[in-house]
N, C-alpha and C. Protein backbone atom coordinates (compact mmCIF):
# COMPACT_ATOMS: atom_id res chain seq x y z
N UNK A 1 24.68 55.01 80.15
CA UNK A 1 25.61 54.31 80.99
C UNK A 1 25.96 55.19 82.19
N UNK A 2 25.92 54.65 83.39
CA UNK A 2 26.21 55.39 84.61
C UNK A 2 27.69 55.54 84.86
N UNK A 3 28.01 56.22 85.92
CA UNK A 3 29.41 56.39 86.29
C UNK A 3 29.97 55.07 86.83
N UNK A 4 31.29 54.94 86.72
CA UNK A 4 31.95 53.72 87.20
C UNK A 4 33.27 54.10 87.86
N UNK A 5 33.86 53.17 88.59
CA UNK A 5 35.18 53.37 89.16
C UNK A 5 36.22 53.20 88.06
N UNK A 6 37.26 54.01 88.13
CA UNK A 6 38.32 53.98 87.13
C UNK A 6 39.66 54.02 87.85
N UNK A 7 40.51 53.06 87.58
CA UNK A 7 41.84 53.06 88.20
C UNK A 7 42.94 52.92 87.16
N UNK A 8 42.64 53.35 85.94
CA UNK A 8 43.62 53.18 84.86
C UNK A 8 44.09 54.48 84.24
N UNK A 9 43.76 55.62 84.82
CA UNK A 9 44.21 56.88 84.22
C UNK A 9 43.29 58.02 84.59
N UNK A 10 43.11 58.92 83.66
CA UNK A 10 42.34 60.12 83.90
C UNK A 10 40.90 59.79 84.27
N UNK A 11 40.46 60.39 85.35
CA UNK A 11 39.05 60.29 85.73
C UNK A 11 38.32 61.51 85.17
N UNK A 12 37.20 61.25 84.55
CA UNK A 12 36.37 62.31 83.99
C UNK A 12 35.11 62.36 84.84
N UNK A 13 34.84 63.51 85.47
CA UNK A 13 33.75 63.58 86.44
C UNK A 13 32.40 63.04 85.93
N UNK A 14 32.11 63.24 84.67
CA UNK A 14 30.83 62.78 84.13
C UNK A 14 30.77 61.27 83.96
N UNK A 15 31.94 60.62 83.90
CA UNK A 15 32.00 59.18 83.62
C UNK A 15 32.40 58.34 84.83
N UNK A 16 33.14 58.93 85.76
CA UNK A 16 33.77 58.13 86.81
C UNK A 16 33.48 58.68 88.21
N UNK A 17 33.42 57.75 89.16
CA UNK A 17 33.46 58.15 90.56
C UNK A 17 34.89 58.58 90.83
N UNK A 18 35.05 59.63 91.61
CA UNK A 18 36.40 60.11 91.83
C UNK A 18 36.50 60.94 93.09
N UNK A 19 37.73 61.11 93.53
CA UNK A 19 37.99 61.99 94.66
C UNK A 19 37.63 63.40 94.24
N UNK A 20 37.04 64.16 95.14
CA UNK A 20 36.67 65.53 94.84
C UNK A 20 37.92 66.41 94.83
N UNK A 21 38.29 66.87 93.65
CA UNK A 21 39.47 67.72 93.50
C UNK A 21 39.10 69.19 93.40
N UNK A 22 37.83 69.52 93.60
CA UNK A 22 37.36 70.89 93.39
C UNK A 22 38.06 71.89 94.30
N UNK A 23 38.50 71.47 95.48
CA UNK A 23 39.21 72.41 96.37
C UNK A 23 40.67 72.56 95.95
N UNK A 24 41.24 71.54 95.33
CA UNK A 24 42.65 71.60 94.94
C UNK A 24 42.86 72.39 93.66
N UNK A 25 41.92 72.28 92.73
CA UNK A 25 42.10 72.92 91.43
C UNK A 25 42.29 74.43 91.53
N UNK A 26 41.48 75.17 92.30
CA UNK A 26 41.73 76.63 92.39
C UNK A 26 43.12 76.97 92.93
N UNK A 27 43.62 76.17 93.86
CA UNK A 27 44.97 76.42 94.40
C UNK A 27 46.02 76.20 93.33
N UNK A 28 45.84 75.17 92.50
CA UNK A 28 46.79 74.90 91.42
C UNK A 28 46.70 75.99 90.36
N UNK A 29 45.49 76.41 90.02
CA UNK A 29 45.32 77.50 89.05
C UNK A 29 46.01 78.76 89.55
N UNK A 30 45.88 79.04 90.85
CA UNK A 30 46.54 80.22 91.42
C UNK A 30 48.06 80.11 91.30
N UNK A 31 48.61 78.91 91.52
CA UNK A 31 50.06 78.74 91.35
C UNK A 31 50.47 79.04 89.91
N UNK A 32 49.66 78.59 88.95
CA UNK A 32 49.94 78.88 87.54
C UNK A 32 49.86 80.38 87.30
N UNK A 33 48.80 81.01 87.77
CA UNK A 33 48.62 82.46 87.57
C UNK A 33 49.74 83.26 88.23
N UNK A 34 50.25 82.76 89.35
CA UNK A 34 51.35 83.44 90.04
C UNK A 34 52.70 83.17 89.38
N UNK A 35 52.71 82.32 88.36
CA UNK A 35 53.94 82.03 87.63
C UNK A 35 54.86 81.06 88.34
N UNK A 36 54.31 80.20 89.17
CA UNK A 36 55.12 79.25 89.92
C UNK A 36 55.52 78.05 89.08
N UNK A 37 56.67 77.51 89.40
CA UNK A 37 57.17 76.25 88.84
C UNK A 37 56.93 75.23 89.93
N UNK A 38 56.21 74.17 89.62
CA UNK A 38 55.89 73.22 90.68
C UNK A 38 55.76 71.81 90.14
N UNK A 39 55.83 70.86 91.07
CA UNK A 39 55.73 69.44 90.77
C UNK A 39 54.60 68.86 91.60
N UNK A 40 53.79 68.01 90.99
CA UNK A 40 52.76 67.28 91.72
C UNK A 40 53.32 65.87 91.91
N UNK A 41 53.57 65.52 93.15
CA UNK A 41 54.22 64.24 93.44
C UNK A 41 53.44 63.52 94.54
N UNK A 42 52.77 62.47 94.16
CA UNK A 42 52.00 61.65 95.10
C UNK A 42 52.06 60.20 94.62
N UNK A 43 51.74 59.24 95.50
CA UNK A 43 51.68 57.84 95.06
C UNK A 43 50.55 57.63 94.04
N UNK A 44 50.51 56.43 93.51
CA UNK A 44 49.47 56.07 92.54
C UNK A 44 48.07 56.27 93.13
N UNK A 45 47.15 56.61 92.26
CA UNK A 45 45.72 56.72 92.59
C UNK A 45 45.39 57.87 93.52
N UNK A 46 46.19 58.94 93.49
CA UNK A 46 45.88 60.13 94.28
C UNK A 46 45.25 61.24 93.43
N UNK A 47 45.10 61.02 92.14
CA UNK A 47 44.44 62.01 91.30
C UNK A 47 45.37 62.96 90.56
N UNK A 48 46.65 62.63 90.44
CA UNK A 48 47.59 63.51 89.74
C UNK A 48 47.19 63.70 88.27
N UNK A 49 46.96 62.60 87.57
CA UNK A 49 46.59 62.68 86.16
C UNK A 49 45.28 63.42 85.99
N UNK A 50 44.33 63.16 86.87
CA UNK A 50 43.04 63.83 86.80
C UNK A 50 43.19 65.32 87.09
N UNK A 51 44.03 65.68 88.04
CA UNK A 51 44.26 67.08 88.34
C UNK A 51 44.87 67.80 87.14
N UNK A 52 45.83 67.17 86.48
CA UNK A 52 46.42 67.78 85.28
C UNK A 52 45.38 67.91 84.17
N UNK A 53 44.52 66.91 84.03
CA UNK A 53 43.44 66.97 83.04
C UNK A 53 42.51 68.15 83.33
N UNK A 54 42.10 68.28 84.59
CA UNK A 54 41.19 69.37 84.96
C UNK A 54 41.86 70.73 84.80
N UNK A 55 43.15 70.82 85.14
CA UNK A 55 43.89 72.08 84.94
C UNK A 55 43.95 72.41 83.46
N UNK A 56 44.26 71.42 82.64
CA UNK A 56 44.29 71.62 81.19
C UNK A 56 42.94 72.10 80.68
N UNK A 57 41.85 71.45 81.12
CA UNK A 57 40.50 71.84 80.69
C UNK A 57 40.20 73.28 81.09
N UNK A 58 40.65 73.68 82.26
CA UNK A 58 40.44 75.06 82.72
C UNK A 58 41.24 76.05 81.86
N UNK A 59 42.51 75.72 81.63
CA UNK A 59 43.38 76.67 80.92
C UNK A 59 43.01 76.83 79.45
N UNK A 60 42.49 75.78 78.82
CA UNK A 60 42.15 75.92 77.39
C UNK A 60 40.95 76.84 77.18
N UNK A 61 40.21 77.14 78.24
CA UNK A 61 39.07 78.06 78.10
C UNK A 61 39.52 79.52 78.19
N UNK A 62 40.77 79.73 78.52
CA UNK A 62 41.27 81.10 78.71
C UNK A 62 42.08 81.53 77.49
N UNK A 63 41.95 82.77 77.12
CA UNK A 63 42.65 83.29 75.95
C UNK A 63 44.13 83.58 76.20
N UNK A 64 44.51 83.73 77.47
CA UNK A 64 45.87 84.13 77.78
C UNK A 64 46.83 82.96 78.01
N UNK A 65 46.32 81.73 78.05
CA UNK A 65 47.16 80.56 78.30
C UNK A 65 47.10 79.57 77.16
N UNK A 66 48.22 78.86 76.98
CA UNK A 66 48.28 77.76 76.03
C UNK A 66 48.87 76.57 76.76
N UNK A 67 48.01 75.68 77.27
CA UNK A 67 48.52 74.52 78.00
C UNK A 67 48.99 73.42 77.06
N UNK A 68 50.08 72.80 77.42
CA UNK A 68 50.60 71.63 76.71
C UNK A 68 50.64 70.50 77.74
N UNK A 69 49.75 69.55 77.59
CA UNK A 69 49.61 68.46 78.56
C UNK A 69 50.01 67.15 77.88
N UNK A 70 51.21 66.67 78.20
CA UNK A 70 51.71 65.43 77.60
C UNK A 70 52.02 64.42 78.69
N UNK A 71 52.24 63.19 78.27
CA UNK A 71 52.58 62.12 79.20
C UNK A 71 53.83 61.41 78.71
N UNK A 72 54.69 61.04 79.65
CA UNK A 72 55.87 60.25 79.31
C UNK A 72 55.61 58.76 79.46
N UNK A 73 54.36 58.40 79.67
CA UNK A 73 54.02 56.98 79.83
C UNK A 73 54.40 56.17 78.60
N UNK A 74 54.25 56.75 77.43
CA UNK A 74 54.53 56.03 76.19
C UNK A 74 55.97 56.11 75.72
N UNK A 75 56.82 56.78 76.47
CA UNK A 75 58.22 56.91 76.06
C UNK A 75 58.97 55.66 76.51
N UNK A 76 59.62 55.01 75.57
CA UNK A 76 60.30 53.75 75.87
C UNK A 76 61.63 54.00 76.57
N UNK A 77 62.16 52.96 77.19
CA UNK A 77 63.45 53.08 77.86
C UNK A 77 64.57 53.36 76.85
N UNK A 78 64.41 52.94 75.59
CA UNK A 78 65.40 53.24 74.55
C UNK A 78 65.51 54.75 74.30
N UNK A 79 64.45 55.48 74.60
CA UNK A 79 64.45 56.93 74.38
C UNK A 79 65.43 57.65 75.30
N UNK A 80 65.90 56.97 76.33
CA UNK A 80 66.82 57.57 77.28
C UNK A 80 68.27 57.16 77.05
N UNK A 81 68.55 56.50 75.92
CA UNK A 81 69.93 56.04 75.69
C UNK A 81 70.86 57.18 75.30
N UNK A 82 70.33 58.24 74.67
CA UNK A 82 71.14 59.41 74.34
C UNK A 82 70.23 60.61 74.10
N UNK A 83 70.84 61.78 74.00
CA UNK A 83 70.06 63.01 73.84
C UNK A 83 69.21 63.00 72.57
N UNK A 84 69.77 62.50 71.49
CA UNK A 84 69.03 62.49 70.23
C UNK A 84 67.76 61.66 70.34
N UNK A 85 67.86 60.49 70.96
CA UNK A 85 66.68 59.64 71.13
C UNK A 85 65.64 60.30 72.03
N UNK A 86 66.12 60.95 73.10
CA UNK A 86 65.20 61.62 74.01
C UNK A 86 64.50 62.79 73.31
N UNK A 87 65.26 63.60 72.60
CA UNK A 87 64.67 64.74 71.88
C UNK A 87 63.59 64.26 70.91
N UNK A 88 63.88 63.19 70.18
CA UNK A 88 62.91 62.66 69.23
C UNK A 88 61.65 62.17 69.96
N UNK A 89 61.81 61.46 71.07
CA UNK A 89 60.65 60.96 71.81
C UNK A 89 59.81 62.11 72.34
N UNK A 90 60.45 63.15 72.87
CA UNK A 90 59.74 64.33 73.36
C UNK A 90 58.95 64.99 72.22
N UNK A 91 59.60 65.14 71.08
CA UNK A 91 58.94 65.77 69.94
C UNK A 91 57.79 64.92 69.40
N UNK A 92 57.92 63.62 69.44
CA UNK A 92 56.82 62.75 69.02
C UNK A 92 55.61 62.95 69.92
N UNK A 93 55.85 63.08 71.23
CA UNK A 93 54.74 63.36 72.15
C UNK A 93 54.06 64.68 71.78
N UNK A 94 54.85 65.71 71.49
CA UNK A 94 54.27 67.00 71.09
C UNK A 94 53.52 66.89 69.77
N UNK A 95 54.14 66.20 68.81
CA UNK A 95 53.50 66.06 67.50
C UNK A 95 52.16 65.34 67.63
N UNK A 96 52.12 64.30 68.44
CA UNK A 96 50.86 63.57 68.66
C UNK A 96 49.80 64.48 69.25
N UNK A 97 50.18 65.27 70.26
CA UNK A 97 49.24 66.20 70.88
C UNK A 97 48.73 67.22 69.88
N UNK A 98 49.65 67.85 69.15
CA UNK A 98 49.25 68.93 68.25
C UNK A 98 48.57 68.44 66.99
N UNK A 99 48.64 67.15 66.73
CA UNK A 99 47.90 66.59 65.61
C UNK A 99 46.40 66.73 65.83
N UNK A 100 46.01 66.70 67.11
CA UNK A 100 44.60 66.78 67.47
C UNK A 100 44.20 68.15 67.96
N UNK A 101 45.16 68.98 68.29
CA UNK A 101 44.86 70.34 68.72
C UNK A 101 45.99 71.24 68.25
N UNK A 102 45.70 72.48 68.10
CA UNK A 102 46.74 73.40 67.64
C UNK A 102 46.55 73.74 66.17
N UNK A 103 47.10 74.85 65.81
CA UNK A 103 46.94 75.33 64.45
C UNK A 103 47.89 74.61 63.50
N UNK A 104 47.64 74.75 62.24
CA UNK A 104 48.52 74.18 61.21
C UNK A 104 49.92 74.78 61.33
N UNK A 105 49.98 76.06 61.67
CA UNK A 105 51.27 76.73 61.82
C UNK A 105 52.08 76.08 62.94
N UNK A 106 51.45 75.77 64.06
CA UNK A 106 52.14 75.12 65.16
C UNK A 106 52.51 73.69 64.77
N UNK A 107 51.61 72.99 64.11
CA UNK A 107 51.91 71.63 63.66
C UNK A 107 53.12 71.62 62.74
N UNK A 108 53.19 72.58 61.83
CA UNK A 108 54.34 72.67 60.92
C UNK A 108 55.62 72.99 61.69
N UNK A 109 55.51 73.86 62.71
CA UNK A 109 56.69 74.20 63.49
C UNK A 109 57.21 72.99 64.26
N UNK A 110 56.32 72.16 64.74
CA UNK A 110 56.73 70.94 65.46
C UNK A 110 57.64 70.11 64.55
N UNK A 111 57.33 70.04 63.28
CA UNK A 111 58.15 69.26 62.33
C UNK A 111 59.60 69.74 62.30
N UNK A 112 59.81 71.05 62.47
CA UNK A 112 61.18 71.57 62.45
C UNK A 112 61.99 71.06 63.63
N UNK A 113 61.32 70.65 64.69
CA UNK A 113 62.01 70.17 65.88
C UNK A 113 62.74 68.86 65.67
N UNK A 114 62.33 68.10 64.67
CA UNK A 114 62.96 66.80 64.47
C UNK A 114 64.40 66.91 63.97
N UNK A 115 64.84 68.13 63.69
CA UNK A 115 66.24 68.37 63.37
C UNK A 115 67.07 68.49 64.65
N UNK A 116 66.42 68.65 65.80
CA UNK A 116 67.08 68.85 67.09
C UNK A 116 67.67 67.53 67.57
N UNK A 117 68.94 67.57 67.98
CA UNK A 117 69.63 66.34 68.40
C UNK A 117 70.24 66.43 69.80
N UNK A 118 70.25 67.64 70.41
CA UNK A 118 70.86 67.81 71.73
C UNK A 118 69.91 68.57 72.65
N UNK A 119 70.12 68.42 73.95
CA UNK A 119 69.27 69.13 74.91
C UNK A 119 69.41 70.66 74.82
N UNK A 120 70.62 71.21 74.66
CA UNK A 120 70.69 72.66 74.49
C UNK A 120 69.90 73.16 73.26
N UNK A 121 69.96 72.42 72.17
CA UNK A 121 69.18 72.79 70.97
C UNK A 121 67.68 72.64 71.25
N UNK A 122 67.32 71.59 71.99
CA UNK A 122 65.91 71.40 72.35
C UNK A 122 65.43 72.58 73.19
N UNK A 123 66.25 73.04 74.10
CA UNK A 123 65.90 74.19 74.92
C UNK A 123 65.61 75.42 74.06
N UNK A 124 66.51 75.69 73.11
CA UNK A 124 66.31 76.81 72.19
C UNK A 124 65.05 76.62 71.36
N UNK A 125 64.82 75.40 70.89
CA UNK A 125 63.63 75.11 70.08
C UNK A 125 62.36 75.32 70.90
N UNK A 126 62.37 74.92 72.17
CA UNK A 126 61.20 75.13 73.04
C UNK A 126 60.93 76.63 73.18
N UNK A 127 61.99 77.43 73.35
CA UNK A 127 61.81 78.89 73.42
C UNK A 127 61.16 79.40 72.14
N UNK A 128 61.63 78.94 71.00
CA UNK A 128 61.04 79.36 69.72
C UNK A 128 59.58 78.93 69.62
N UNK A 129 59.26 77.74 70.11
CA UNK A 129 57.87 77.27 70.10
C UNK A 129 56.99 78.19 70.95
N UNK A 130 57.46 78.53 72.14
CA UNK A 130 56.68 79.41 73.02
C UNK A 130 56.48 80.77 72.37
N UNK A 131 57.51 81.30 71.73
CA UNK A 131 57.38 82.59 71.04
C UNK A 131 56.38 82.49 69.89
N UNK A 132 56.40 81.37 69.17
CA UNK A 132 55.46 81.18 68.07
C UNK A 132 54.03 81.09 68.59
N UNK A 133 53.84 80.42 69.72
CA UNK A 133 52.51 80.30 70.32
C UNK A 133 52.00 81.67 70.73
N UNK A 134 52.85 82.49 71.31
CA UNK A 134 52.48 83.87 71.63
C UNK A 134 51.57 84.02 72.84
N UNK A 135 51.48 83.02 73.67
CA UNK A 135 50.68 83.09 74.90
C UNK A 135 51.51 82.53 76.04
N UNK A 136 51.01 82.68 77.26
CA UNK A 136 51.65 82.04 78.41
C UNK A 136 51.52 80.54 78.21
N UNK A 137 52.63 79.88 78.01
CA UNK A 137 52.63 78.45 77.71
C UNK A 137 52.94 77.66 78.97
N UNK A 138 52.07 76.72 79.27
CA UNK A 138 52.20 75.89 80.46
C UNK A 138 52.47 74.47 80.00
N UNK A 139 53.64 73.94 80.37
CA UNK A 139 54.00 72.56 80.03
C UNK A 139 53.72 71.67 81.22
N UNK A 140 52.84 70.70 81.01
CA UNK A 140 52.50 69.72 82.04
C UNK A 140 52.93 68.36 81.53
N UNK A 141 53.77 67.67 82.30
CA UNK A 141 54.25 66.36 81.89
C UNK A 141 53.80 65.34 82.93
N UNK A 142 52.98 64.42 82.51
CA UNK A 142 52.46 63.38 83.40
C UNK A 142 53.29 62.10 83.22
N UNK A 143 53.20 61.24 84.21
CA UNK A 143 53.82 59.90 84.18
C UNK A 143 55.33 59.96 83.97
N UNK A 144 55.99 60.71 84.82
CA UNK A 144 57.45 60.79 84.74
C UNK A 144 58.13 59.81 85.71
N UNK A 145 57.35 59.00 86.39
CA UNK A 145 57.88 58.10 87.42
C UNK A 145 59.06 57.27 86.92
N UNK A 146 58.90 56.62 85.78
CA UNK A 146 59.96 55.74 85.30
C UNK A 146 61.17 56.52 84.80
N UNK A 147 61.01 57.82 84.59
CA UNK A 147 62.10 58.65 84.10
C UNK A 147 62.92 59.26 85.21
N UNK A 148 62.36 59.31 86.40
CA UNK A 148 62.94 60.13 87.47
C UNK A 148 64.33 59.69 87.92
N UNK A 149 64.73 58.46 87.70
CA UNK A 149 66.06 58.01 88.09
C UNK A 149 67.05 58.06 86.92
N UNK A 150 66.65 58.66 85.83
CA UNK A 150 67.49 58.68 84.64
C UNK A 150 68.20 60.03 84.52
N UNK A 151 69.50 60.02 84.37
CA UNK A 151 70.27 61.27 84.33
C UNK A 151 69.87 62.15 83.15
N UNK A 152 69.58 61.55 82.01
CA UNK A 152 69.18 62.34 80.84
C UNK A 152 67.88 63.09 81.13
N UNK A 153 66.93 62.43 81.78
CA UNK A 153 65.68 63.09 82.14
C UNK A 153 65.94 64.20 83.16
N UNK A 154 66.81 63.95 84.12
CA UNK A 154 67.14 64.98 85.11
C UNK A 154 67.80 66.18 84.44
N UNK A 155 68.61 65.93 83.42
CA UNK A 155 69.21 67.03 82.64
C UNK A 155 68.12 67.83 81.92
N UNK A 156 67.13 67.13 81.38
CA UNK A 156 66.00 67.79 80.71
C UNK A 156 65.24 68.67 81.71
N UNK A 157 64.96 68.14 82.89
CA UNK A 157 64.28 68.93 83.92
C UNK A 157 65.11 70.16 84.31
N UNK A 158 66.42 69.99 84.38
CA UNK A 158 67.29 71.12 84.71
C UNK A 158 67.20 72.21 83.65
N UNK A 159 67.11 71.80 82.40
CA UNK A 159 66.95 72.78 81.31
C UNK A 159 65.63 73.52 81.46
N UNK A 160 64.55 72.79 81.76
CA UNK A 160 63.25 73.45 81.94
C UNK A 160 63.29 74.41 83.13
N UNK A 161 63.89 73.98 84.22
CA UNK A 161 63.98 74.85 85.40
C UNK A 161 64.82 76.08 85.09
N UNK A 162 65.92 75.91 84.37
CA UNK A 162 66.75 77.04 83.98
C UNK A 162 65.97 78.03 83.12
N UNK A 163 65.16 77.51 82.20
CA UNK A 163 64.33 78.37 81.36
C UNK A 163 63.36 79.16 82.24
N UNK A 164 62.76 78.47 83.21
CA UNK A 164 61.82 79.13 84.12
C UNK A 164 62.52 80.23 84.91
N UNK A 165 63.70 79.94 85.44
CA UNK A 165 64.43 80.94 86.23
C UNK A 165 64.81 82.15 85.39
N UNK A 166 65.25 81.92 84.16
CA UNK A 166 65.59 83.04 83.28
C UNK A 166 64.36 83.88 82.96
N UNK A 167 63.24 83.20 82.70
CA UNK A 167 61.99 83.91 82.41
C UNK A 167 61.56 84.72 83.62
N UNK A 168 61.62 84.11 84.81
CA UNK A 168 61.21 84.80 86.05
C UNK A 168 62.07 86.01 86.32
N UNK A 169 63.36 85.91 86.07
CA UNK A 169 64.28 87.03 86.31
C UNK A 169 64.02 88.17 85.33
N UNK A 170 63.60 87.83 84.11
CA UNK A 170 63.35 88.83 83.09
C UNK A 170 61.99 89.50 83.23
N UNK A 171 61.06 88.79 83.87
CA UNK A 171 59.68 89.31 83.96
C UNK A 171 59.53 90.41 84.99
């Protein structure tokens, strides 16, 4: 089967015609290597999901990085009604990802997260997860569009940014 056009998600170079992202990927990898915190923000069909996929594929080949590439596309609007619901939805996304990748030890640790009910506790749990992983952990979250106007999601982003700032100051 030959390549085809794809407008429903991740483009895979071997399967789909796509915009050439080969010049963008090295710049994004350099931002990761430099320890930058950044957001990829473009309209639909600009290759954001594909860029995250290619970045993930690049990082998993390296021994010093542990990429976590999740999507909020499957998170329902009910998940934003309170912190407990949001924490559970976030952990379900992680559990789904680690079911297919990651060690048994990490999969077991993900289960401990379901006791988390608040964003401050989730922040602490994420720190413990990163320490358990023992590598430079890169969290990539795709499809946050529907979340961006939600205060609970903005609070979550603030926690992640605060973690980044604390890590940067300590490094």
